[in-house]
Amino acid sequence: MTTYVISVPGTFTDTIGASRRDELVRALRPADPHRTQAGNEEDLDVLTVNEDDTFTIRLTVEADSGPHAERDARNLAGSALRAVGLDENSAPLGPAVITGIDSEI
């Protein structure tokens, strides 16, 4: 198994408040990229929200391949969004992308 840092972009179709953002960050915390070497070095936040309500979720995923890591990251992101009351209509996600592979090399 390999540890991947995956970025999942999306858009909030309505502006969400700071409290809901905080809830989402808490829901994503178990997969926070700061616990990896790459996440620490790059200071990757688990959630970044832009002024135009686009966002990026960055997650750490253990998987046996890149495609599995991307799929698992989208599932984790979707689950966290649903946990705070957002669905695929209120926060559609774009394609997941591998942004780092954690290794001790």
PDB file of N, CA and C in Angstrom:
ATOM      1  N   MET A   1       0.839  -1.191   0.000  1.00  0.00           N
ATOM      2  CA  MET A   1       0.000   0.000   0.000  1.00  0.00           C
ATOM      3  C   MET A   1       0.876   1.243   0.000  1.00  0.00           C
ATOM      4  N   THR A   2       0.391   2.236  -0.666  1.00  0.00           N
ATOM      5  CA  THR A   2       1.099   3.504  -0.787  1.00  0.00           C
ATOM      6  C   THR A   2       0.204   4.602  -0.236  1.00  0.00           C
ATOM      7  N   THR A   3       0.821   5.620   0.358  1.00  0.00           N
ATOM      8  CA  THR A   3       0.072   6.772   0.848  1.00  0.00           C
ATOM      9  C   THR A   3       0.095   7.855  -0.225  1.00  0.00           C
ATOM     10  N   TYR A   4      -1.083   8.243  -0.680  1.00  0.00           N
ATOM     11  CA  TYR A   4      -1.239   9.274  -1.705  1.00  0.00           C
ATOM     12  C   TYR A   4      -1.853  10.519  -1.085  1.00  0.00           C
ATOM     13  N   VAL A   5      -1.451  11.675  -1.585  1.00  0.00           N
ATOM     14  CA  VAL A   5      -2.148  12.925  -1.287  1.00  0.00           C
ATOM     15  C   VAL A   5      -2.950  13.243  -2.538  1.00  0.00           C
ATOM     16  N   ILE A   6      -4.261  13.355  -2.358  1.00  0.00           N
ATOM     17  CA  ILE A   6      -5.180  13.538  -3.475  1.00  0.00           C
ATOM     18  C   ILE A   6      -5.905  14.871  -3.314  1.00  0.00           C
ATOM     19  N   SER A   7      -6.035  15.613  -4.408  1.00  0.00           N
ATOM     20  CA  SER A   7      -6.818  16.848  -4.423  1.00  0.00           C
ATOM     21  C   SER A   7      -8.120  16.595  -5.164  1.00  0.00           C
ATOM     22  N   VAL A   8      -9.219  17.017  -4.551  1.00  0.00           N
ATOM     23  CA  VAL A   8     -10.546  16.882  -5.153  1.00  0.00           C
ATOM     24  C   VAL A   8     -11.152  18.276  -5.231  1.00  0.00           C
ATOM     25  N   PRO A   9     -11.313  18.819  -6.442  1.00  0.00           N
ATOM     26  CA  PRO A   9     -11.913  20.147  -6.572  1.00  0.00           C
ATOM     27  C   PRO A   9     -13.432  20.068  -6.557  1.00  0.00           C
ATOM     28  N   GLY A  10     -14.047  21.186  -6.273  1.00  0.00           N
ATOM     29  CA  GLY A  10     -15.501  21.246  -6.295  1.00  0.00           C
ATOM     30  C   GLY A  10     -15.976  22.681  -6.257  1.00  0.00           C
ATOM     31  N   THR A  11     -17.291  22.839  -6.257  1.00  0.00           N
ATOM     32  CA  THR A  11     -17.902  24.166  -6.210  1.00  0.00           C
ATOM     33  C   THR A  11     -19.108  24.118  -5.287  1.00  0.00           C
ATOM     34  N   PHE A  12     -19.172  25.063  -4.375  1.00  0.00           N
ATOM     35  CA  PHE A  12     -20.381  25.230  -3.571  1.00  0.00           C
ATOM     36  C   PHE A  12     -21.354  26.033  -4.415  1.00  0.00           C
ATOM     37  N   THR A  13     -22.541  25.503  -4.654  1.00  0.00           N
ATOM     38  CA  THR A  13     -23.500  26.225  -5.483  1.00  0.00           C
ATOM     39  C   THR A  13     -24.168  27.360  -4.717  1.00  0.00           C
ATOM     40  N   ASP A  14     -24.102  27.313  -3.387  1.00  0.00           N
ATOM     41  CA  ASP A  14     -24.550  28.401  -2.520  1.00  0.00           C
ATOM     42  C   ASP A  14     -23.407  28.698  -1.562  1.00  0.00           C
ATOM     43  N   THR A  15     -23.304  29.934  -1.136  1.00  0.00           N
ATOM     44  CA  THR A  15     -22.274  30.290  -0.171  1.00  0.00           C
ATOM     45  C   THR A  15     -22.557  29.573   1.145  1.00  0.00           C
ATOM     46  N   ILE A  16     -21.506  28.974   1.700  1.00  0.00           N
ATOM     47  CA  ILE A  16     -21.686  28.310   2.999  1.00  0.00           C
ATOM     48  C   ILE A  16     -20.985  29.146   4.060  1.00  0.00           C
ATOM     49  N   GLY A  17     -21.517  29.113   5.244  1.00  0.00           N
ATOM     50  CA  GLY A  17     -20.973  29.904   6.338  1.00  0.00           C
ATOM     51  C   GLY A  17     -19.738  29.275   6.962  1.00  0.00           C
ATOM     52  N   ALA A  18     -19.090  30.055   7.802  1.00  0.00           N
ATOM     53  CA  ALA A  18     -17.866  29.610   8.475  1.00  0.00           C
ATOM     54  C   ALA A  18     -18.113  28.393   9.356  1.00  0.00           C
ATOM     55  N   SER A  19     -19.274  28.319   9.986  1.00  0.00           N
ATOM     56  CA  SER A  19     -19.535  27.176  10.869  1.00  0.00           C
ATOM     57  C   SER A  19     -19.651  25.882  10.066  1.00  0.00           C
ATOM     58  N   ARG A  20     -20.257  25.925   8.897  1.00  0.00           N
ATOM     59  CA  ARG A  20     -20.361  24.722   8.067  1.00  0.00           C
ATOM     60  C   ARG A  20     -18.986  24.343   7.515  1.00  0.00           C
ATOM     61  N   ARG A  21     -18.183  25.329   7.172  1.00  0.00           N
ATOM     62  CA  ARG A  21     -16.805  25.042   6.739  1.00  0.00           C
ATOM     63  C   ARG A  21     -16.039  24.336   7.853  1.00  0.00           C
ATOM     64  N   ASP A  22     -16.190  24.835   9.077  1.00  0.00           N
ATOM     65  CA  ASP A  22     -15.523  24.207  10.224  1.00  0.00           C
ATOM     66  C   ASP A  22     -15.997  22.774  10.418  1.00  0.00           C
ATOM     67  N   GLU A  23     -17.290  22.532  10.251  1.00  0.00           N
ATOM     68  CA  GLU A  23     -17.830  21.176  10.352  1.00  0.00           C
ATOM     69  C   GLU A  23     -17.211  20.276   9.290  1.00  0.00           C
ATOM     70  N   LEU A  24     -17.087  20.803   8.078  1.00  0.00           N
ATOM     71  CA  LEU A  24     -16.515  20.026   6.981  1.00  0.00           C
ATOM     72  C   LEU A  24     -15.051  19.696   7.255  1.00  0.00           C
ATOM     73  N   VAL A  25     -14.305  20.658   7.749  1.00  0.00           N
ATOM     74  CA  VAL A  25     -12.897  20.408   8.091  1.00  0.00           C
ATOM     75  C   VAL A  25     -12.802  19.316   9.156  1.00  0.00           C
ATOM     76  N   ARG A  26     -13.669  19.366  10.160  1.00  0.00           N
ATOM     77  CA  ARG A  26     -13.666  18.316  11.190  1.00  0.00           C
ATOM     78  C   ARG A  26     -13.994  16.950  10.589  1.00  0.00           C
ATOM     79  N   ALA A  27     -14.936  16.915   9.655  1.00  0.00           N
ATOM     80  CA  ALA A  27     -15.300  15.654   9.013  1.00  0.00           C
ATOM     81  C   ALA A  27     -14.156  15.096   8.158  1.00  0.00           C
ATOM     82  N   LEU A  28     -13.336  15.983   7.634  1.00  0.00           N
ATOM     83  CA  LEU A  28     -12.205  15.573   6.781  1.00  0.00           C
ATOM     84  C   LEU A  28     -10.932  15.298   7.573  1.00  0.00           C
ATOM     85  N   ARG A  29     -10.885  15.723   8.816  1.00  0.00           N
ATOM     86  CA  ARG A  29      -9.664  15.676   9.623  1.00  0.00           C
ATOM     87  C   ARG A  29      -8.957  14.312   9.632  1.00  0.00           C
ATOM     88  N   PRO A  30      -9.663  13.177   9.691  1.00  0.00           N
ATOM     89  CA  PRO A  30      -8.931  11.898   9.708  1.00  0.00           C
ATOM     90  C   PRO A  30      -8.046  11.670   8.476  1.00  0.00           C
ATOM     91  N   ALA A  31      -8.341  12.336   7.385  1.00  0.00           N
ATOM     92  CA  ALA A  31      -7.549  12.169   6.160  1.00  0.00           C
ATOM     93  C   ALA A  31      -6.708  13.407   5.860  1.00  0.00           C
ATOM     94  N   ASP A  32      -6.439  14.224   6.871  1.00  0.00           N
ATOM     95  CA  ASP A  32      -5.676  15.461   6.725  1.00  0.00           C
ATOM     96  C   ASP A  32      -4.288  15.186   6.156  1.00  0.00           C
ATOM     97  N   PRO A  33      -3.895  15.877   5.079  1.00  0.00           N
ATOM     98  CA  PRO A  33      -2.576  15.632   4.478  1.00  0.00           C
ATOM     99  C   PRO A  33      -1.404  16.094   5.333  1.00  0.00           C
ATOM    100  N   HIS A  34      -1.655  16.883   6.391  1.00  0.00           N
ATOM    101  CA  HIS A  34      -0.556  17.326   7.243  1.00  0.00           C
ATOM    102  C   HIS A  34       0.153  16.174   7.942  1.00  0.00           C
ATOM    103  N   ARG A  35      -0.485  15.019   7.997  1.00  0.00           N
ATOM    104  CA  ARG A  35       0.164  13.889   8.661  1.00  0.00           C
ATOM    105  C   ARG A  35       1.153  13.164   7.754  1.00  0.00           C
ATOM    106  N   THR A  36       1.292  13.640   6.512  1.00  0.00           N
ATOM    107  CA  THR A  36       2.272  13.061   5.589  1.00  0.00           C
ATOM    108  C   THR A  36       3.446  14.014   5.427  1.00  0.00           C
ATOM    109  N   GLN A  37       4.555  13.498   4.962  1.00  0.00           N
ATOM    110  CA  GLN A  37       5.724  14.331   4.706  1.00  0.00           C
ATOM    111  C   GLN A  37       5.408  15.399   3.658  1.00  0.00           C
ATOM    112  N   ALA A  38       4.745  14.994   2.568  1.00  0.00           N
ATOM    113  CA  ALA A  38       4.407  15.940   1.502  1.00  0.00           C
ATOM    114  C   ALA A  38       3.467  17.025   2.007  1.00  0.00           C
ATOM    115  N   GLY A  39       2.457  16.630   2.779  1.00  0.00           N
ATOM    116  CA  GLY A  39       1.499  17.594   3.303  1.00  0.00           C
ATOM    117  C   GLY A  39       2.121  18.581   4.246  1.00  0.00           C
ATOM    118  N   ASN A  40       3.061  18.117   5.063  1.00  0.00           N
ATOM    119  CA  ASN A  40       3.768  19.000   5.983  1.00  0.00           C
ATOM    120  C   ASN A  40       4.670  19.970   5.238  1.00  0.00           C
ATOM    121  N   GLU A  41       5.451  19.451   4.290  1.00  0.00           N
ATOM    122  CA  GLU A  41       6.387  20.293   3.556  1.00  0.00           C
ATOM    123  C   GLU A  41       5.671  21.363   2.741  1.00  0.00           C
ATOM    124  N   GLU A  42       4.556  20.997   2.140  1.00  0.00           N
ATOM    125  CA  GLU A  42       3.815  21.935   1.295  1.00  0.00           C
ATOM    126  C   GLU A  42       2.769  22.728   2.072  1.00  0.00           C
ATOM    127  N   ASP A  43       2.585  22.410   3.360  1.00  0.00           N
ATOM    128  CA  ASP A  43       1.582  23.040   4.206  1.00  0.00           C
ATOM    129  C   ASP A  43       0.199  22.985   3.548  1.00  0.00           C
ATOM    130  N   LEU A  44      -0.202  21.772   3.173  1.00  0.00           N
ATOM    131  CA  LEU A  44      -1.471  21.566   2.487  1.00  0.00           C
ATOM    132  C   LEU A  44      -2.625  21.555   3.475  1.00  0.00           C
ATOM    133  N   ASP A  45      -3.569  22.445   3.279  1.00  0.00           N
ATOM    134  CA  ASP A  45      -4.771  22.468   4.100  1.00  0.00           C
ATOM    135  C   ASP A  45      -5.759  21.442   3.569  1.00  0.00           C
ATOM    136  N   VAL A  46      -6.513  20.830   4.462  1.00  0.00           N
ATOM    137  CA  VAL A  46      -7.487  19.825   4.065  1.00  0.00           C
ATOM    138  C   VAL A  46      -8.608  20.452   3.226  1.00  0.00           C
ATOM    139  N   LEU A  47      -8.926  21.736   3.456  1.00  0.00           N
ATOM    140  CA  LEU A  47      -9.965  22.433   2.699  1.00  0.00           C
ATOM    141  C   LEU A  47      -9.513  23.855   2.399  1.00  0.00           C
ATOM    142  N   THR A  48      -9.595  24.220   1.143  1.00  0.00           N
ATOM    143  CA  THR A  48      -9.345  25.592   0.713  1.00  0.00           C
ATOM    144  C   THR A  48     -10.575  26.052  -0.051  1.00  0.00           C
ATOM    145  N   VAL A  49     -11.138  27.197   0.345  1.00  0.00           N
ATOM    146  CA  VAL A  49     -12.314  27.746  -0.331  1.00  0.00           C
ATOM    147  C   VAL A  49     -11.929  29.103  -0.911  1.00  0.00           C
ATOM    148  N   ASN A  50     -12.219  29.286  -2.194  1.00  0.00           N
ATOM    149  CA  ASN A  50     -11.916  30.538  -2.892  1.00  0.00           C
ATOM    150  C   ASN A  50     -13.109  31.486  -2.837  1.00  0.00           C
ATOM    151  N   GLU A  51     -12.861  32.743  -3.187  1.00  0.00           N
ATOM    152  CA  GLU A  51     -13.906  33.767  -3.135  1.00  0.00           C
ATOM    153  C   GLU A  51     -15.090  33.449  -4.040  1.00  0.00           C
ATOM    154  N   ASP A  52     -14.856  32.703  -5.114  1.00  0.00           N
ATOM    155  CA  ASP A  52     -15.936  32.369  -6.043  1.00  0.00           C
ATOM    156  C   ASP A  52     -16.667  31.072  -5.667  1.00  0.00           C
ATOM    157  N   ASP A  53     -16.451  30.593  -4.435  1.00  0.00           N
ATOM    158  CA  ASP A  53     -17.076  29.391  -3.877  1.00  0.00           C
ATOM    159  C   ASP A  53     -16.585  28.082  -4.505  1.00  0.00           C
ATOM    160  N   THR A  54     -15.501  28.143  -5.282  1.00  0.00           N
ATOM    161  CA  THR A  54     -14.845  26.905  -5.665  1.00  0.00           C
ATOM    162  C   THR A  54     -13.985  26.470  -4.491  1.00  0.00           C
ATOM    163  N   PHE A  55     -13.719  25.179  -4.403  1.00  0.00           N
ATOM    164  CA  PHE A  55     -12.939  24.688  -3.278  1.00  0.00           C
ATOM    165  C   PHE A  55     -12.065  23.520  -3.718  1.00  0.00           C
ATOM    166  N   THR A  56     -11.083  23.234  -2.879  1.00  0.00           N
ATOM    167  CA  THR A  56     -10.250  22.050  -3.064  1.00  0.00           C
ATOM    168  C   THR A  56     -10.166  21.327  -1.729  1.00  0.00           C
ATOM    169  N   ILE A  57     -10.446  20.037  -1.775  1.00  0.00           N
ATOM    170  CA  ILE A  57     -10.281  19.170  -0.622  1.00  0.00           C
ATOM    171  C   ILE A  57      -9.025  18.347  -0.880  1.00  0.00           C
ATOM    172  N   ARG A  58      -8.103  18.342   0.080  1.00  0.00           N
ATOM    173  CA  ARG A  58      -6.874  17.553  -0.042  1.00  0.00           C
ATOM    174  C   ARG A  58      -6.889  16.472   1.030  1.00  0.00           C
ATOM    175  N   LEU A  59      -6.728  15.234   0.577  1.00  0.00           N
ATOM    176  CA  LEU A  59      -6.852  14.095   1.479  1.00  0.00           C
ATOM    177  C   LEU A  59      -5.671  13.156   1.351  1.00  0.00           C
ATOM    178  N   THR A  60      -5.400  12.449   2.429  1.00  0.00           N
ATOM    179  CA  THR A  60      -4.412  11.380   2.424  1.00  0.00           C
ATOM    180  C   THR A  60      -5.175  10.065   2.327  1.00  0.00           C
ATOM    181  N   VAL A  61      -4.754   9.230   1.386  1.00  0.00           N
ATOM    182  CA  VAL A  61      -5.429   7.959   1.154  1.00  0.00           C
ATOM    183  C   VAL A  61      -4.380   6.853   1.020  1.00  0.00           C
ATOM    184  N   GLU A  62      -4.617   5.739   1.693  1.00  0.00           N
ATOM    185  CA  GLU A  62      -3.790   4.541   1.525  1.00  0.00           C
ATOM    186  C   GLU A  62      -4.450   3.684   0.451  1.00  0.00           C
ATOM    187  N   ALA A  63      -3.695   3.349  -0.598  1.00  0.00           N
ATOM    188  CA  ALA A  63      -4.265   2.539  -1.669  1.00  0.00           C
ATOM    189  C   ALA A  63      -3.157   1.769  -2.366  1.00  0.00           C
ATOM    190  N   ASP A  64      -3.568   0.766  -3.133  1.00  0.00           N
ATOM    191  CA  ASP A  64      -2.584  -0.031  -3.860  1.00  0.00           C
ATOM    192  C   ASP A  64      -2.288   0.504  -5.249  1.00  0.00           C
ATOM    193  N   SER A  65      -3.055   1.522  -5.699  1.00  0.00           N
ATOM    194  CA  SER A  65      -2.787   2.134  -7.006  1.00  0.00           C
ATOM    195  C   SER A  65      -3.350   3.548  -7.042  1.00  0.00           C
ATOM    196  N   GLY A  66      -2.873   4.322  -7.993  1.00  0.00           N
ATOM    197  CA  GLY A  66      -3.356   5.688  -8.158  1.00  0.00           C
ATOM    198  C   GLY A  66      -4.847   5.771  -8.427  1.00  0.00           C
ATOM    199  N   PRO A  67      -5.375   4.972  -9.366  1.00  0.00           N
ATOM    200  CA  PRO A  67      -6.822   5.033  -9.619  1.00  0.00           C
ATOM    201  C   PRO A  67      -7.656   4.676  -8.391  1.00  0.00           C
ATOM    202  N   HIS A  68      -7.195   3.699  -7.603  1.00  0.00           N
ATOM    203  CA  HIS A  68      -7.927   3.357  -6.376  1.00  0.00           C
ATOM    204  C   HIS A  68      -7.871   4.512  -5.378  1.00  0.00           C
ATOM    205  N   ALA A  69      -6.724   5.178  -5.290  1.00  0.00           N
ATOM    206  CA  ALA A  69      -6.580   6.315  -4.375  1.00  0.00           C
ATOM    207  C   ALA A  69      -7.512   7.451  -4.783  1.00  0.00           C
ATOM    208  N   GLU A  70      -7.585   7.731  -6.075  1.00  0.00           N
ATOM    209  CA  GLU A  70      -8.472   8.791  -6.557  1.00  0.00           C
ATOM    210  C   GLU A  70      -9.929   8.460  -6.262  1.00  0.00           C
ATOM    211  N   ARG A  71     -10.329   7.219  -6.496  1.00  0.00           N
ATOM    212  CA  ARG A  71     -11.698   6.790  -6.218  1.00  0.00           C
ATOM    213  C   ARG A  71     -12.005   6.903  -4.722  1.00  0.00           C
ATOM    214  N   ASP A  72     -11.084   6.419  -3.894  1.00  0.00           N
ATOM    215  CA  ASP A  72     -11.298   6.475  -2.449  1.00  0.00           C
ATOM    216  C   ASP A  72     -11.374   7.917  -1.949  1.00  0.00           C
ATOM    217  N   ALA A  73     -10.556   8.800  -2.509  1.00  0.00           N
ATOM    218  CA  ALA A  73     -10.579  10.206  -2.096  1.00  0.00           C
ATOM    219  C   ALA A  73     -11.915  10.851  -2.450  1.00  0.00           C
ATOM    220  N   ARG A  74     -12.434  10.577  -3.649  1.00  0.00           N
ATOM    221  CA  ARG A  74     -13.747  11.123  -4.028  1.00  0.00           C
ATOM    222  C   ARG A  74     -14.828  10.593  -3.091  1.00  0.00           C
ATOM    223  N   ASN A  75     -14.738   9.320  -2.734  1.00  0.00           N
ATOM    224  CA  ASN A  75     -15.718   8.744  -1.805  1.00  0.00           C
ATOM    225  C   ASN A  75     -15.631   9.404  -0.429  1.00  0.00           C
ATOM    226  N   LEU A  76     -14.403   9.613   0.067  1.00  0.00           N
ATOM    227  CA  LEU A  76     -14.216  10.275   1.364  1.00  0.00           C
ATOM    228  C   LEU A  76     -14.738  11.707   1.332  1.00  0.00           C
ATOM    229  N   ALA A  77     -14.416  12.429   0.264  1.00  0.00           N
ATOM    230  CA  ALA A  77     -14.863  13.815   0.141  1.00  0.00           C
ATOM    231  C   ALA A  77     -16.386  13.878   0.089  1.00  0.00           C
ATOM    232  N   GLY A  78     -16.994  13.014  -0.718  1.00  0.00           N
ATOM    233  CA  GLY A  78     -18.451  12.993  -0.825  1.00  0.00           C
ATOM    234  C   GLY A  78     -19.116  12.648   0.495  1.00  0.00           C
ATOM    235  N   SER A  79     -18.548  11.701   1.204  1.00  0.00           N
ATOM    236  CA  SER A  79     -19.086  11.300   2.501  1.00  0.00           C
ATOM    237  C   SER A  79     -19.019  12.446   3.510  1.00  0.00           C
ATOM    238  N   ALA A  80     -17.892  13.155   3.537  1.00  0.00           N
ATOM    239  CA  ALA A  80     -17.738  14.290   4.456  1.00  0.00           C
ATOM    240  C   ALA A  80     -18.724  15.403   4.106  1.00  0.00           C
ATOM    241  N   LEU A  81     -18.900  15.665   2.824  1.00  0.00           N
ATOM    242  CA  LEU A  81     -19.858  16.694   2.408  1.00  0.00           C
ATOM    243  C   LEU A  81     -21.278  16.314   2.828  1.00  0.00           C
ATOM    244  N   ARG A  82     -21.645  15.061   2.613  1.00  0.00           N
ATOM    245  CA  ARG A  82     -22.985  14.605   3.023  1.00  0.00           C
ATOM    246  C   ARG A  82     -23.156  14.686   4.541  1.00  0.00           C
ATOM    247  N   ALA A  83     -22.088  14.425   5.281  1.00  0.00           N
ATOM    248  CA  ALA A  83     -22.153  14.469   6.748  1.00  0.00           C
ATOM    249  C   ALA A  83     -22.495  15.858   7.268  1.00  0.00           C
ATOM    250  N   VAL A  84     -22.173  16.886   6.491  1.00  0.00           N
ATOM    251  CA  VAL A  84     -22.490  18.254   6.915  1.00  0.00           C
ATOM    252  C   VAL A  84     -23.691  18.822   6.155  1.00  0.00           C
ATOM    253  N   GLY A  85     -24.437  17.934   5.485  1.00  0.00           N
ATOM    254  CA  GLY A  85     -25.675  18.350   4.838  1.00  0.00           C
ATOM    255  C   GLY A  85     -25.544  18.858   3.422  1.00  0.00           C
ATOM    256  N   LEU A  86     -24.441  18.574   2.763  1.00  0.00           N
ATOM    257  CA  LEU A  86     -24.249  19.000   1.380  1.00  0.00           C
ATOM    258  C   LEU A  86     -24.281  17.776   0.475  1.00  0.00           C
ATOM    259  N   ASP A  87     -24.968  17.887  -0.664  1.00  0.00           N
ATOM    260  CA  ASP A  87     -25.034  16.761  -1.587  1.00  0.00           C
ATOM    261  C   ASP A  87     -24.364  17.120  -2.907  1.00  0.00           C
ATOM    262  N   GLU A  88     -24.480  16.238  -3.904  1.00  0.00           N
ATOM    263  CA  GLU A  88     -23.815  16.468  -5.180  1.00  0.00           C
ATOM    264  C   GLU A  88     -24.388  17.654  -5.943  1.00  0.00           C
ATOM    265  N   ASN A  89     -25.569  18.123  -5.568  1.00  0.00           N
ATOM    266  CA  ASN A  89     -26.133  19.321  -6.199  1.00  0.00           C
ATOM    267  C   ASN A  89     -25.634  20.598  -5.541  1.00  0.00           C
ATOM    268  N   SER A  90     -25.428  20.566  -4.232  1.00  0.00           N
ATOM    269  CA  SER A  90     -24.990  21.766  -3.524  1.00  0.00           C
ATOM    270  C   SER A  90     -23.471  21.887  -3.462  1.00  0.00           C
ATOM    271  N   ALA A  91     -22.759  20.781  -3.759  1.00  0.00           N
ATOM    272  CA  ALA A  91     -21.295  20.807  -3.759  1.00  0.00           C
ATOM    273  C   ALA A  91     -20.766  19.755  -4.743  1.00  0.00           C
ATOM    274  N   PRO A  92     -20.992  19.972  -6.060  1.00  0.00           N
ATOM    275  CA  PRO A  92     -20.501  18.998  -7.033  1.00  0.00           C
ATOM    276  C   PRO A  92     -18.972  18.929  -7.019  1.00  0.00           C
ATOM    277  N   LEU A  93     -18.467  17.706  -7.186  1.00  0.00           N
ATOM    278  CA  LEU A  93     -17.020  17.482  -7.173  1.00  0.00           C
ATOM    279  C   LEU A  93     -16.492  17.277  -8.584  1.00  0.00           C
ATOM    280  N   GLY A  94     -15.261  17.725  -8.802  1.00  0.00           N
ATOM    281  CA  GLY A  94     -14.576  17.476 -10.060  1.00  0.00           C
ATOM    282  C   GLY A  94     -13.722  16.226  -9.936  1.00  0.00           C
ATOM    283  N   PRO A  95     -12.908  15.960 -10.940  1.00  0.00           N
ATOM    284  CA  PRO A  95     -12.068  14.759 -10.914  1.00  0.00           C
ATOM    285  C   PRO A  95     -10.957  14.870  -9.868  1.00  0.00           C
ATOM    286  N   ALA A  96     -10.733  13.768  -9.173  1.00  0.00           N
ATOM    287  CA  ALA A  96      -9.651  13.705  -8.180  1.00  0.00           C
ATOM    288  C   ALA A  96      -8.315  13.602  -8.916  1.00  0.00           C
ATOM    289  N   VAL A  97      -7.277  14.202  -8.326  1.00  0.00           N
ATOM    290  CA  VAL A  97      -5.949  14.209  -8.933  1.00  0.00           C
ATOM    291  C   VAL A  97      -4.908  13.891  -7.864  1.00  0.00           C
ATOM    292  N   ILE A  98      -3.964  13.039  -8.205  1.00  0.00           N
ATOM    293  CA  ILE A  98      -2.860  12.753  -7.285  1.00  0.00           C
ATOM    294  C   ILE A  98      -1.934  13.964  -7.268  1.00  0.00           C
ATOM    295  N   THR A  99      -1.731  14.530  -6.079  1.00  0.00           N
ATOM    296  CA  THR A  99      -0.847  15.682  -5.959  1.00  0.00           C
ATOM    297  C   THR A  99       0.422  15.353  -5.189  1.00  0.00           C
ATOM    298  N   GLY A 100       0.511  14.134  -4.673  1.00  0.00           N
ATOM    299  CA  GLY A 100       1.719  13.728  -3.970  1.00  0.00           C
ATOM    300  C   GLY A 100       1.662  12.267  -3.595  1.00  0.00           C
ATOM    301  N   ILE A 101       2.827  11.683  -3.483  1.00  0.00           N
ATOM    302  CA  ILE A 101       2.967  10.323  -2.989  1.00  0.00           C
ATOM    303  C   ILE A 101       3.929  10.398  -1.833  1.00  0.00           C
ATOM    304  N   ASP A 102       3.495   9.946  -0.667  1.00  0.00           N
ATOM    305  CA  ASP A 102       4.314  10.028   0.534  1.00  0.00           C
ATOM    306  C   ASP A 102       5.291   8.866   0.569  1.00  0.00           C
ATOM    307  N   SER A 103       6.546   9.208   0.736  1.00  0.00           N
ATOM    308  CA  SER A 103       7.567   8.158   0.851  1.00  0.00           C
ATOM    309  C   SER A 103       8.716   8.674   1.693  1.00  0.00           C
ATOM    310  N   GLU A 104       9.491   7.772   2.195  1.00  0.00           N
ATOM    311  CA  GLU A 104      10.654   8.118   3.012  1.00  0.00           C
ATOM    312  C   GLU A 104      11.923   8.223   2.167  1.00  0.00           C
ATOM    313  N   ILE A 105      11.769   8.064   0.843  1.00  0.00           N
ATOM    314  CA  ILE A 105      12.941   8.060  -0.051  1.00  0.00           C
ATOM    315  C   ILE A 105      13.482   9.454  -0.237  1.00  0.00           C
TER     316      ILE A 105
END
